[in-house]
Amino acid sequence: ERDAWKLSHWDEFWASAQAADCRWRGAHHVLFDNSREGV
């Protein structure tokens, strides 16, 4: 149920999700592409 807003405002939600860039220092950053084969 908590996803109702995301689904009804998908373009807004997805744009904000894509715009987010994690800038934390002091960590090792790893990219895991879950688009093709999944986990």
Full PDB file with SEQRES, HELIX, SHEET, SSBOND, CRYST1, ORIGX, SCALE, CONECT and MASTER records, all heavy atoms in Angstrom:
SEQRES   1 A   39  GLU ARG ASP ALA TRP LYS LEU SER HIS TRP ASP GLU PHE          
SEQRES   2 A   39  TRP ALA SER ALA GLN ALA ALA ASP CYS ARG TRP ARG GLY          
SEQRES   3 A   39  ALA HIS HIS VAL LEU PHE ASP ASN SER ARG GLU GLY VAL          
HELIX    1 AA1 ALA A    4  SER A    8  1                                   5    
HELIX    2 AA2 TRP A   10  ALA A   19  1                                  10    
CRYST1    1.000    1.000    1.000  90.00  90.00  90.00 P 1           1          
ORIGX1      1.000000  0.000000  0.000000        0.00000                         
ORIGX2      0.000000  1.000000  0.000000        0.00000                         
ORIGX3      0.000000  0.000000  1.000000        0.00000                         
SCALE1      1.000000  0.000000  0.000000        0.00000                         
SCALE2      0.000000  1.000000  0.000000        0.00000                         
SCALE3      0.000000  0.000000  1.000000        0.00000                         
ATOM      1  N   GLU A   1       0.826  -1.210   0.000  1.00  0.00           N  
ATOM      2  CA  GLU A   1       0.000   0.000   0.000  1.00  0.00           C  
ATOM      3  C   GLU A   1       0.860   1.261   0.000  1.00  0.00           C  
ATOM      4  O   GLU A   1       0.483   2.268  -0.584  1.00  0.00           O  
ATOM      5  CB  GLU A   1      -0.927   0.008   1.218  1.00  0.00           C  
ATOM      6  CG  GLU A   1      -2.052  -0.995   1.125  1.00  0.00           C  
ATOM      7  CD  GLU A   1      -2.969  -0.919   2.334  1.00  0.00           C  
ATOM      8  OE1 GLU A   1      -3.421   0.190   2.670  1.00  0.00           O  
ATOM      9  OE2 GLU A   1      -3.201  -1.977   2.937  1.00  0.00           O  
ATOM     10  N   ARG A   2       2.031   1.198   0.653  1.00  0.00           N  
ATOM     11  CA  ARG A   2       2.881   2.377   0.749  1.00  0.00           C  
ATOM     12  C   ARG A   2       3.470   2.783  -0.605  1.00  0.00           C  
ATOM     13  O   ARG A   2       4.073   3.840  -0.729  1.00  0.00           O  
ATOM     14  CB  ARG A   2       3.981   2.170   1.779  1.00  0.00           C  
ATOM     15  CG  ARG A   2       5.008   1.144   1.404  1.00  0.00           C  
ATOM     16  CD  ARG A   2       6.118   1.063   2.452  1.00  0.00           C  
ATOM     17  NE  ARG A   2       7.138   0.129   2.070  1.00  0.00           N  
ATOM     18  CZ  ARG A   2       7.271  -1.095   2.550  1.00  0.00           C  
ATOM     19  NH1 ARG A   2       6.435  -1.538   3.463  1.00  0.00           N  
ATOM     20  NH2 ARG A   2       8.234  -1.877   2.135  1.00  0.00           N  
ATOM     21  N   ASP A   3       3.323   1.921  -1.627  1.00  0.00           N  
ATOM     22  CA  ASP A   3       3.825   2.235  -2.960  1.00  0.00           C  
ATOM     23  C   ASP A   3       2.801   2.946  -3.843  1.00  0.00           C  
ATOM     24  O   ASP A   3       3.097   3.289  -4.987  1.00  0.00           O  
ATOM     25  CB  ASP A   3       4.281   0.960  -3.679  1.00  0.00           C  
ATOM     26  CG  ASP A   3       5.549   0.374  -3.093  1.00  0.00           C  
ATOM     27  OD1 ASP A   3       6.343   1.143  -2.504  1.00  0.00           O  
ATOM     28  OD2 ASP A   3       5.755  -0.846  -3.232  1.00  0.00           O  
ATOM     29  N   ALA A   4       1.596   3.184  -3.339  1.00  0.00           N  
ATOM     30  CA  ALA A   4       0.538   3.781  -4.155  1.00  0.00           C  
ATOM     31  C   ALA A   4       0.962   5.124  -4.749  1.00  0.00           C  
ATOM     32  O   ALA A   4       0.739   5.389  -5.933  1.00  0.00           O  
ATOM     33  CB  ALA A   4      -0.746   3.941  -3.338  1.00  0.00           C  
ATOM     34  N   TRP A   5       1.585   5.964  -3.942  1.00  0.00           N  
ATOM     35  CA  TRP A   5       2.007   7.266  -4.458  1.00  0.00           C  
ATOM     36  C   TRP A   5       3.054   7.097  -5.550  1.00  0.00           C  
ATOM     37  O   TRP A   5       3.002   7.772  -6.580  1.00  0.00           O  
ATOM     38  CB  TRP A   5       2.553   8.148  -3.338  1.00  0.00           C  
ATOM     39  CG  TRP A   5       2.900   9.520  -3.826  1.00  0.00           C  
ATOM     40  CD1 TRP A   5       2.075  10.612  -3.874  1.00  0.00           C  
ATOM     41  CD2 TRP A   5       4.148   9.941  -4.381  1.00  0.00           C  
ATOM     42  NE1 TRP A   5       2.736  11.682  -4.419  1.00  0.00           N  
ATOM     43  CE2 TRP A   5       4.022  11.303  -4.744  1.00  0.00           C  
ATOM     44  CE3 TRP A   5       5.358   9.315  -4.619  1.00  0.00           C  
ATOM     45  CZ2 TRP A   5       5.045  12.031  -5.317  1.00  0.00           C  
ATOM     46  CZ3 TRP A   5       6.393  10.041  -5.194  1.00  0.00           C  
ATOM     47  CH2 TRP A   5       6.232  11.376  -5.539  1.00  0.00           C  
ATOM     48  N   LYS A   6       4.030   6.223  -5.336  1.00  0.00           N  
ATOM     49  CA  LYS A   6       5.068   5.993  -6.344  1.00  0.00           C  
ATOM     50  C   LYS A   6       4.441   5.622  -7.683  1.00  0.00           C  
ATOM     51  O   LYS A   6       4.834   6.133  -8.731  1.00  0.00           O  
ATOM     52  CB  LYS A   6       6.006   4.866  -5.914  1.00  0.00           C  
ATOM     53  CG  LYS A   6       6.907   5.169  -4.752  1.00  0.00           C  
ATOM     54  CD  LYS A   6       7.719   3.919  -4.391  1.00  0.00           C  
ATOM     55  CE  LYS A   6       8.566   4.114  -3.175  1.00  0.00           C  
ATOM     56  NZ  LYS A   6       7.806   4.169  -1.925  1.00  0.00           N  
ATOM     57  N   LEU A   7       3.483   4.697  -7.658  1.00  0.00           N  
ATOM     58  CA  LEU A   7       2.874   4.214  -8.895  1.00  0.00           C  
ATOM     59  C   LEU A   7       2.004   5.269  -9.561  1.00  0.00           C  
ATOM     60  O   LEU A   7       2.014   5.387 -10.789  1.00  0.00           O  
ATOM     61  CB  LEU A   7       2.077   2.938  -8.614  1.00  0.00           C  
ATOM     62  CG  LEU A   7       2.942   1.740  -8.226  1.00  0.00           C  
ATOM     63  CD1 LEU A   7       2.086   0.597  -7.714  1.00  0.00           C  
ATOM     64  CD2 LEU A   7       3.827   1.297  -9.388  1.00  0.00           C  
ATOM     65  N   SER A   8       1.294   6.053  -8.774  1.00  0.00           N  
ATOM     66  CA  SER A   8       0.439   7.074  -9.377  1.00  0.00           C  
ATOM     67  C   SER A   8       1.220   8.315  -9.808  1.00  0.00           C  
ATOM     68  O   SER A   8       0.710   9.139 -10.563  1.00  0.00           O  
ATOM     69  CB  SER A   8      -0.706   7.461  -8.436  1.00  0.00           C  
ATOM     70  OG  SER A   8      -0.209   8.052  -7.267  1.00  0.00           O  
ATOM     71  N   HIS A   9       2.464   8.452  -9.345  1.00  0.00           N  
ATOM     72  CA  HIS A   9       3.343   9.572  -9.723  1.00  0.00           C  
ATOM     73  C   HIS A   9       4.669   9.010 -10.249  1.00  0.00           C  
ATOM     74  O   HIS A   9       5.741   9.472  -9.868  1.00  0.00           O  
ATOM     75  CB  HIS A   9       3.598  10.486  -8.518  1.00  0.00           C  
ATOM     76  CG  HIS A   9       2.370  11.133  -7.988  1.00  0.00           C  
ATOM     77  ND1 HIS A   9       1.520  10.517  -7.102  1.00  0.00           N  
ATOM     78  CD2 HIS A   9       1.833  12.348  -8.225  1.00  0.00           C  
ATOM     79  CE1 HIS A   9       0.520  11.325  -6.816  1.00  0.00           C  
ATOM     80  NE2 HIS A   9       0.686  12.446  -7.489  1.00  0.00           N  
ATOM     81  N   TRP A  10       4.562   7.999 -11.096  1.00  0.00           N  
ATOM     82  CA  TRP A  10       5.747   7.237 -11.491  1.00  0.00           C  
ATOM     83  C   TRP A  10       6.852   8.101 -12.078  1.00  0.00           C  
ATOM     84  O   TRP A  10       8.020   7.957 -11.711  1.00  0.00           O  
ATOM     85  CB  TRP A  10       5.394   6.110 -12.457  1.00  0.00           C  
ATOM     86  CG  TRP A  10       6.606   5.298 -12.730  1.00  0.00           C  
ATOM     87  CD1 TRP A  10       7.395   5.333 -13.852  1.00  0.00           C  
ATOM     88  CD2 TRP A  10       7.223   4.386 -11.830  1.00  0.00           C  
ATOM     89  NE1 TRP A  10       8.452   4.483 -13.707  1.00  0.00           N  
ATOM     90  CE2 TRP A  10       8.381   3.885 -12.468  1.00  0.00           C  
ATOM     91  CE3 TRP A  10       6.935   3.941 -10.546  1.00  0.00           C  
ATOM     92  CZ2 TRP A  10       9.222   2.966 -11.873  1.00  0.00           C  
ATOM     93  CZ3 TRP A  10       7.767   3.021  -9.952  1.00  0.00           C  
ATOM     94  CH2 TRP A  10       8.903   2.548 -10.611  1.00  0.00           C  
ATOM     95  N   ASP A  11       6.526   8.976 -12.994  1.00  0.00           N  
ATOM     96  CA  ASP A  11       7.565   9.787 -13.644  1.00  0.00           C  
ATOM     97  C   ASP A  11       8.326  10.631 -12.621  1.00  0.00           C  
ATOM     98  O   ASP A  11       9.556  10.725 -12.672  1.00  0.00           O  
ATOM     99  CB  ASP A  11       6.969  10.677 -14.740  1.00  0.00           C  
ATOM    100  CG  ASP A  11       6.469   9.870 -15.932  1.00  0.00           C  
ATOM    101  OD1 ASP A  11       6.918   8.712 -16.087  1.00  0.00           O  
ATOM    102  OD2 ASP A  11       5.631  10.386 -16.678  1.00  0.00           O  
ATOM    103  N   GLU A  12       7.600  11.224 -11.685  1.00  0.00           N  
ATOM    104  CA  GLU A  12       8.237  12.025 -10.641  1.00  0.00           C  
ATOM    105  C   GLU A  12       9.116  11.157  -9.747  1.00  0.00           C  
ATOM    106  O   GLU A  12      10.262  11.502  -9.431  1.00  0.00           O  
ATOM    107  CB  GLU A  12       7.162  12.728  -9.815  1.00  0.00           C  
ATOM    108  CG  GLU A  12       7.697  13.624  -8.732  1.00  0.00           C  
ATOM    109  CD  GLU A  12       6.580  14.282  -7.928  1.00  0.00           C  
ATOM    110  OE1 GLU A  12       5.397  14.247  -8.341  1.00  0.00           O  
ATOM    111  OE2 GLU A  12       6.901  14.833  -6.862  1.00  0.00           O  
ATOM    112  N   PHE A  13       8.572   9.998  -9.316  1.00  0.00           N  
ATOM    113  CA  PHE A  13       9.338   9.092  -8.461  1.00  0.00           C  
ATOM    114  C   PHE A  13      10.601   8.613  -9.175  1.00  0.00           C  
ATOM    115  O   PHE A  13      11.697   8.664  -8.624  1.00  0.00           O  
ATOM    116  CB  PHE A  13       8.493   7.876  -8.044  1.00  0.00           C  
ATOM    117  CG  PHE A  13       9.328   6.747  -7.518  1.00  0.00           C  
ATOM    118  CD1 PHE A  13       9.907   6.835  -6.264  1.00  0.00           C  
ATOM    119  CD2 PHE A  13       9.566   5.616  -8.286  1.00  0.00           C  
ATOM    120  CE1 PHE A  13      10.722   5.808  -5.783  1.00  0.00           C  
ATOM    121  CE2 PHE A  13      10.371   4.595  -7.818  1.00  0.00           C  
ATOM    122  CZ  PHE A  13      10.945   4.689  -6.562  1.00  0.00           C  
ATOM    123  N   TRP A  14      10.452   8.161 -10.414  1.00  0.00           N  
ATOM    124  CA  TRP A  14      11.598   7.583 -11.122  1.00  0.00           C  
ATOM    125  C   TRP A  14      12.652   8.645 -11.427  1.00  0.00           C  
ATOM    126  O   TRP A  14      13.852   8.385 -11.327  1.00  0.00           O  
ATOM    127  CB  TRP A  14      11.148   6.856 -12.380  1.00  0.00           C  
ATOM    128  CG  TRP A  14      12.259   6.081 -12.999  1.00  0.00           C  
ATOM    129  CD1 TRP A  14      12.799   6.264 -14.233  1.00  0.00           C  
ATOM    130  CD2 TRP A  14      13.007   5.021 -12.400  1.00  0.00           C  
ATOM    131  NE1 TRP A  14      13.828   5.376 -14.438  1.00  0.00           N  
ATOM    132  CE2 TRP A  14      13.979   4.601 -13.327  1.00  0.00           C  
ATOM    133  CE3 TRP A  14      12.961   4.383 -11.157  1.00  0.00           C  
ATOM    134  CZ2 TRP A  14      14.887   3.579 -13.060  1.00  0.00           C  
ATOM    135  CZ3 TRP A  14      13.863   3.362 -10.895  1.00  0.00           C  
ATOM    136  CH2 TRP A  14      14.803   2.979 -11.839  1.00  0.00           C  
ATOM    137  N   ALA A  15      12.226   9.856 -11.745  1.00  0.00           N  
ATOM    138  CA  ALA A  15      13.187  10.933 -11.993  1.00  0.00           C  
ATOM    139  C   ALA A  15      13.997  11.236 -10.731  1.00  0.00           C  
ATOM    140  O   ALA A  15      15.215  11.412 -10.794  1.00  0.00           O  
ATOM    141  CB  ALA A  15      12.465  12.192 -12.477  1.00  0.00           C  
ATOM    142  N   SER A  16      13.336  11.278  -9.579  1.00  0.00           N  
ATOM    143  CA  SER A  16      14.073  11.561  -8.342  1.00  0.00           C  
ATOM    144  C   SER A  16      14.980  10.393  -7.968  1.00  0.00           C  
ATOM    145  O   SER A  16      16.076  10.587  -7.444  1.00  0.00           O  
ATOM    146  CB  SER A  16      13.119  11.894  -7.195  1.00  0.00           C  
ATOM    147  OG  SER A  16      12.362  10.760  -6.832  1.00  0.00           O  
ATOM    148  N   ALA A  17      14.552   9.166  -8.250  1.00  0.00           N  
ATOM    149  CA  ALA A  17      15.382   7.994  -7.950  1.00  0.00           C  
ATOM    150  C   ALA A  17      16.641   7.983  -8.813  1.00  0.00           C  
ATOM    151  O   ALA A  17      17.714   7.588  -8.362  1.00  0.00           O  
ATOM    152  CB  ALA A  17      14.583   6.713  -8.166  1.00  0.00           C  
ATOM    153  N   GLN A  18      16.524   8.432 -10.037  1.00  0.00           N  
ATOM    154  CA  GLN A  18      17.659   8.450 -10.952  1.00  0.00           C  
ATOM    155  C   GLN A  18      18.601   9.617 -10.696  1.00  0.00           C  
ATOM    156  O   GLN A  18      19.788   9.532 -10.982  1.00  0.00           O  
ATOM    157  CB  GLN A  18      17.170   8.508 -12.406  1.00  0.00           C  
ATOM    158  CG  GLN A  18      16.417   7.273 -12.826  1.00  0.00           C  
ATOM    159  CD  GLN A  18      17.220   6.017 -12.600  1.00  0.00           C  
ATOM    160  OE1 GLN A  18      18.240   5.806 -13.222  1.00  0.00           O  
ATOM    161  NE2 GLN A  18      16.782   5.185 -11.679  1.00  0.00           N  
ATOM    162  N   ALA A  19      18.071  10.692 -10.141  1.00  0.00           N  
ATOM    163  CA  ALA A  19      18.881  11.888  -9.907  1.00  0.00           C  
ATOM    164  C   ALA A  19      19.786  11.743  -8.687  1.00  0.00           C  
ATOM    165  O   ALA A  19      20.750  12.483  -8.538  1.00  0.00           O  
ATOM    166  CB  ALA A  19      17.969  13.102  -9.738  1.00  0.00           C  
ATOM    167  N   ALA A  20      19.465  10.803  -7.834  1.00  0.00           N  
ATOM    168  CA  ALA A  20      20.208  10.658  -6.582  1.00  0.00           C  
ATOM    169  C   ALA A  20      21.602  10.100  -6.834  1.00  0.00           C  
ATOM    170  O   ALA A  20      21.764   9.072  -7.465  1.00  0.00           O  
ATOM    171  CB  ALA A  20      19.434   9.751  -5.635  1.00  0.00           C  
ATOM    172  N   ASP A  21      22.600  10.812  -6.342  1.00  0.00           N  
ATOM    173  CA  ASP A  21      24.002  10.413  -6.489  1.00  0.00           C  
ATOM    174  C   ASP A  21      24.617  10.331  -5.099  1.00  0.00           C  
ATOM    175  O   ASP A  21      24.749  11.342  -4.419  1.00  0.00           O  
ATOM    176  CB  ASP A  21      24.733  11.439  -7.362  1.00  0.00           C  
ATOM    177  CG  ASP A  21      26.191  11.116  -7.554  1.00  0.00           C  
ATOM    178  OD1 ASP A  21      26.558   9.916  -7.509  1.00  0.00           O  
ATOM    179  OD2 ASP A  21      26.981  12.054  -7.751  1.00  0.00           O  
ATOM    180  N   CYS A  22      24.964   9.127  -4.675  1.00  0.00           N  
ATOM    181  CA  CYS A  22      25.531   8.935  -3.337  1.00  0.00           C  
ATOM    182  C   CYS A  22      26.958   9.472  -3.311  1.00  0.00           C  
ATOM    183  O   CYS A  22      27.830   8.977  -4.016  1.00  0.00           O  
ATOM    184  CB  CYS A  22      25.506   7.458  -2.963  1.00  0.00           C  
ATOM    185  SG  CYS A  22      26.106   7.157  -1.302  1.00  0.00           S  
ATOM    186  N   ARG A  23      27.186  10.478  -2.469  1.00  0.00           N  
ATOM    187  CA  ARG A  23      28.489  11.157  -2.400  1.00  0.00           C  
ATOM    188  C   ARG A  23      29.262  10.837  -1.129  1.00  0.00           C  
ATOM    189  O   ARG A  23      30.190  11.565  -0.779  1.00  0.00           O  
ATOM    190  CB  ARG A  23      28.264  12.663  -2.514  1.00  0.00           C  
ATOM    191  CG  ARG A  23      27.634  13.033  -3.835  1.00  0.00           C  
ATOM    192  CD  ARG A  23      27.489  14.511  -3.984  1.00  0.00           C  
ATOM    193  NE  ARG A  23      26.888  14.783  -5.276  1.00  0.00           N  
ATOM    194  CZ  ARG A  23      26.293  15.895  -5.580  1.00  0.00           C  
ATOM    195  NH1 ARG A  23      26.229  16.872  -4.705  1.00  0.00           N  
ATOM    196  NH2 ARG A  23      25.770  16.057  -6.768  1.00  0.00           N  
ATOM    197  N   TRP A  24      28.902   9.784  -0.447  1.00  0.00           N  
ATOM    198  CA  TRP A  24      29.543   9.476   0.825  1.00  0.00           C  
ATOM    199  C   TRP A  24      31.011   9.152   0.642  1.00  0.00           C  
ATOM    200  O   TRP A  24      31.389   8.341  -0.195  1.00  0.00           O  
ATOM    201  CB  TRP A  24      28.874   8.296   1.492  1.00  0.00           C  
ATOM    202  CG  TRP A  24      27.426   8.477   1.784  1.00  0.00           C  
ATOM    203  CD1 TRP A  24      26.716   9.650   1.830  1.00  0.00           C  
ATOM    204  CD2 TRP A  24      26.503   7.438   2.062  1.00  0.00           C  
ATOM    205  NE1 TRP A  24      25.408   9.398   2.136  1.00  0.00           N  
ATOM    206  CE2 TRP A  24      25.249   8.043   2.280  1.00  0.00           C  
ATOM    207  CE3 TRP A  24      26.604   6.062   2.159  1.00  0.00           C  
ATOM    208  CZ2 TRP A  24      24.109   7.303   2.596  1.00  0.00           C  
ATOM    209  CZ3 TRP A  24      25.474   5.327   2.468  1.00  0.00           C  
ATOM    210  CH2 TRP A  24      24.242   5.961   2.685  1.00  0.00           C  
ATOM    211  N   ARG A  25      31.831   9.777   1.446  1.00  0.00           N  
ATOM    212  CA  ARG A  25      33.253   9.443   1.438  1.00  0.00           C  
ATOM    213  C   ARG A  25      33.525   8.451   2.571  1.00  0.00           C  
ATOM    214  O   ARG A  25      32.707   8.267   3.472  1.00  0.00           O  
ATOM    215  CB  ARG A  25      34.103  10.691   1.563  1.00  0.00           C  
ATOM    216  CG  ARG A  25      33.951  11.439   2.856  1.00  0.00           C  
ATOM    217  CD  ARG A  25      34.882  12.656   2.932  1.00  0.00           C  
ATOM    218  NE  ARG A  25      34.602  13.369   4.163  1.00  0.00           N  
ATOM    219  CZ  ARG A  25      34.107  14.585   4.226  1.00  0.00           C  
ATOM    220  NH1 ARG A  25      33.862  15.256   3.121  1.00  0.00           N  
ATOM    221  NH2 ARG A  25      33.876  15.152   5.389  1.00  0.00           N  
ATOM    222  N   GLY A  26      34.677   7.813   2.497  1.00  0.00           N  
ATOM    223  CA  GLY A  26      35.056   6.871   3.538  1.00  0.00           C  
ATOM    224  C   GLY A  26      34.492   5.480   3.348  1.00  0.00           C  
ATOM    225  O   GLY A  26      34.464   4.691   4.290  1.00  0.00           O  
ATOM    226  N   ALA A  27      34.034   5.172   2.131  1.00  0.00           N  
ATOM    227  CA  ALA A  27      33.478   3.847   1.852  1.00  0.00           C  
ATOM    228  C   ALA A  27      33.963   3.368   0.497  1.00  0.00           C  
ATOM    229  O   ALA A  27      34.306   4.162  -0.378  1.00  0.00           O  
ATOM    230  CB  ALA A  27      31.956   3.888   1.866  1.00  0.00           C  
ATOM    231  N   HIS A  28      33.971   2.078   0.349  1.00  0.00           N  
ATOM    232  CA  HIS A  28      34.217   1.450  -0.951  1.00  0.00           C  
ATOM    233  C   HIS A  28      32.867   1.394  -1.656  1.00  0.00           C  
ATOM    234  O   HIS A  28      31.886   0.918  -1.074  1.00  0.00           O  
ATOM    235  CB  HIS A  28      34.791   0.045  -0.731  1.00  0.00           C  
ATOM    236  CG  HIS A  28      35.029  -0.728  -1.970  1.00  0.00           C  
ATOM    237  ND1 HIS A  28      35.903  -0.319  -2.954  1.00  0.00           N  
ATOM    238  CD2 HIS A  28      34.515  -1.907  -2.385  1.00  0.00           C  
ATOM    239  CE1 HIS A  28      35.906  -1.206  -3.920  1.00  0.00           C  
ATOM    240  NE2 HIS A  28      35.074  -2.183  -3.606  1.00  0.00           N  
ATOM    241  N   HIS A  29      32.778   1.911  -2.880  1.00  0.00           N  
ATOM    242  CA  HIS A  29      31.514   1.932  -3.625  1.00  0.00           C  
ATOM    243  C   HIS A  29      31.557   0.867  -4.721  1.00  0.00           C  
ATOM    244  O   HIS A  29      32.513   0.805  -5.489  1.00  0.00           O  
ATOM    245  CB  HIS A  29      31.267   3.312  -4.240  1.00  0.00           C  
ATOM    246  CG  HIS A  29      30.970   4.361  -3.215  1.00  0.00           C  
ATOM    247  ND1 HIS A  29      29.698   4.790  -2.940  1.00  0.00           N  
ATOM    248  CD2 HIS A  29      31.789   5.048  -2.379  1.00  0.00           C  
ATOM    249  CE1 HIS A  29      29.742   5.709  -1.987  1.00  0.00           C  
ATOM    250  NE2 HIS A  29      31.000   5.889  -1.639  1.00  0.00           N  
ATOM    251  N   VAL A  30      30.496   0.035  -4.762  1.00  0.00           N  
ATOM    252  CA  VAL A  30      30.388  -1.054  -5.732  1.00  0.00           C  
ATOM    253  C   VAL A  30      29.055  -0.917  -6.458  1.00  0.00           C  
ATOM    254  O   VAL A  30      28.023  -0.642  -5.829  1.00  0.00           O  
ATOM    255  CB  VAL A  30      30.443  -2.427  -5.013  1.00  0.00           C  
ATOM    256  CG1 VAL A  30      30.210  -3.562  -5.988  1.00  0.00           C  
ATOM    257  CG2 VAL A  30      31.762  -2.604  -4.284  1.00  0.00           C  
ATOM    258  N   LEU A  31      29.067  -1.124  -7.767  1.00  0.00           N  
ATOM    259  CA  LEU A  31      27.857  -1.078  -8.579  1.00  0.00           C  
ATOM    260  C   LEU A  31      27.372  -2.498  -8.844  1.00  0.00           C  
ATOM    261  O   LEU A  31      28.161  -3.359  -9.253  1.00  0.00           O  
ATOM    262  CB  LEU A  31      28.154  -0.360  -9.898  1.00  0.00           C  
ATOM    263  CG  LEU A  31      26.974  -0.049 -10.797  1.00  0.00           C  
ATOM    264  CD1 LEU A  31      26.032   0.934 -10.121  1.00  0.00           C  
ATOM    265  CD2 LEU A  31      27.479   0.539 -12.111  1.00  0.00           C  
ATOM    266  N   PHE A  32      26.098  -2.770  -8.586  1.00  0.00           N  
ATOM    267  CA  PHE A  32      25.497  -4.073  -8.883  1.00  0.00           C  
ATOM    268  C   PHE A  32      24.338  -3.836  -9.833  1.00  0.00           C  
ATOM    269  O   PHE A  32      23.294  -3.311  -9.441  1.00  0.00           O  
ATOM    270  CB  PHE A  32      25.007  -4.760  -7.605  1.00  0.00           C  
ATOM    271  CG  PHE A  32      24.476  -6.146  -7.848  1.00  0.00           C  
ATOM    272  CD1 PHE A  32      25.340  -7.233  -7.855  1.00  0.00           C  
ATOM    273  CD2 PHE A  32      23.132  -6.369  -8.082  1.00  0.00           C  
ATOM    274  CE1 PHE A  32      24.867  -8.508  -8.094  1.00  0.00           C  
ATOM    275  CE2 PHE A  32      22.647  -7.638  -8.313  1.00  0.00           C  
ATOM    276  CZ  PHE A  32      23.512  -8.710  -8.322  1.00  0.00           C  
ATOM    277  N   ASP A  33      24.516  -4.196 -11.100  1.00  0.00           N  
ATOM    278  CA  ASP A  33      23.480  -4.018 -12.115  1.00  0.00           C  
ATOM    279  C   ASP A  33      22.518  -5.197 -12.042  1.00  0.00           C  
ATOM    280  O   ASP A  33      22.879  -6.325 -12.376  1.00  0.00           O  
ATOM    281  CB  ASP A  33      24.109  -3.916 -13.504  1.00  0.00           C  
ATOM    282  CG  ASP A  33      23.087  -3.626 -14.588  1.00  0.00           C  
ATOM    283  OD1 ASP A  33      21.876  -3.609 -14.293  1.00  0.00           O  
ATOM    284  OD2 ASP A  33      23.506  -3.432 -15.744  1.00  0.00           O  
ATOM    285  N   ASN A  34      21.315  -4.925 -11.619  1.00  0.00           N  
ATOM    286  CA  ASN A  34      20.302  -5.955 -11.443  1.00  0.00           C  
ATOM    287  C   ASN A  34      19.300  -5.954 -12.588  1.00  0.00           C  
ATOM    288  O   ASN A  34      18.212  -6.480 -12.466  1.00  0.00           O  
ATOM    289  CB  ASN A  34      19.588  -5.740 -10.102  1.00  0.00           C  
ATOM    290  CG  ASN A  34      18.874  -6.977  -9.618  1.00  0.00           C  
ATOM    291  OD1 ASN A  34      19.157  -8.080 -10.056  1.00  0.00           O  
ATOM    292  ND2 ASN A  34      17.940  -6.789  -8.714  1.00  0.00           N  
ATOM    293  N   SER A  35      19.656  -5.358 -13.726  1.00  0.00           N  
ATOM    294  CA  SER A  35      18.730  -5.248 -14.846  1.00  0.00           C  
ATOM    295  C   SER A  35      18.619  -6.525 -15.656  1.00  0.00           C  
ATOM    296  O   SER A  35      17.533  -6.934 -16.038  1.00  0.00           O  
ATOM    297  CB  SER A  35      19.166  -4.126 -15.792  1.00  0.00           C  
ATOM    298  OG  SER A  35      19.020  -2.887 -15.177  1.00  0.00           O  
ATOM    299  N   ARG A  36      19.728  -7.148 -15.946  1.00  0.00           N  
ATOM    300  CA  ARG A  36      19.701  -8.264 -16.884  1.00  0.00           C  
ATOM    301  C   ARG A  36      19.452  -9.597 -16.206  1.00  0.00           C  
ATOM    302  O   ARG A  36      18.415 -10.188 -16.326  1.00  0.00           O  
ATOM    303  CB  ARG A  36      21.014  -8.293 -17.659  1.00  0.00           C  
ATOM    304  CG  ARG A  36      21.145  -7.057 -18.544  1.00  0.00           C  
ATOM    305  CD  ARG A  36      22.309  -7.193 -19.498  1.00  0.00           C  
ATOM    306  NE  ARG A  36      22.443  -5.943 -20.239  1.00  0.00           N  
ATOM    307  CZ  ARG A  36      23.391  -5.059 -20.025  1.00  0.00           C  
ATOM    308  NH1 ARG A  36      24.313  -5.284 -19.125  1.00  0.00           N  
ATOM    309  NH2 ARG A  36      23.437  -3.954 -20.720  1.00  0.00           N  
ATOM    310  N   GLU A  37      20.451 -10.081 -15.492  1.00  0.00           N  
ATOM    311  CA  GLU A  37      20.354 -11.436 -14.971  1.00  0.00           C  
ATOM    312  C   GLU A  37      19.734 -11.518 -13.587  1.00  0.00           C  
ATOM    313  O   GLU A  37      19.365 -12.585 -13.135  1.00  0.00           O  
ATOM    314  CB  GLU A  37      21.735 -12.091 -14.979  1.00  0.00           C  
ATOM    315  CG  GLU A  37      22.787 -11.302 -14.211  1.00  0.00           C  
ATOM    316  CD  GLU A  37      24.176 -11.887 -14.399  1.00  0.00           C  
ATOM    317  OE1 GLU A  37      24.399 -13.015 -13.945  1.00  0.00           O  
ATOM    318  OE2 GLU A  37      25.019 -11.189 -14.990  1.00  0.00           O  
ATOM    319  N   GLY A  38      19.606 -10.409 -12.896  1.00  0.00           N  
ATOM    320  CA  GLY A  38      19.051 -10.431 -11.559  1.00  0.00           C  
ATOM    321  C   GLY A  38      20.064 -10.963 -10.561  1.00  0.00           C  
ATOM    322  O   GLY A  38      21.253 -11.074 -10.842  1.00  0.00           O  
ATOM    323  N   VAL A  39      19.584 -11.312  -9.404  1.00  0.00           N  
ATOM    324  CA  VAL A  39      20.463 -11.774  -8.331  1.00  0.00           C  
ATOM    325  C   VAL A  39      20.615 -13.289  -8.457  1.00  0.00           C  
ATOM    326  O   VAL A  39      19.966 -14.055  -7.744  1.00  0.00           O  
ATOM    327  CB  VAL A  39      19.927 -11.358  -6.947  1.00  0.00           C  
ATOM    328  CG1 VAL A  39      20.902 -11.754  -5.852  1.00  0.00           C  
ATOM    329  CG2 VAL A  39      19.691  -9.857  -6.889  1.00  0.00           C  
TER     330      VAL A  39                                                      
MASTER        0    0    0    2    0    0    0    6  329    1    0    3          
END                                                                             
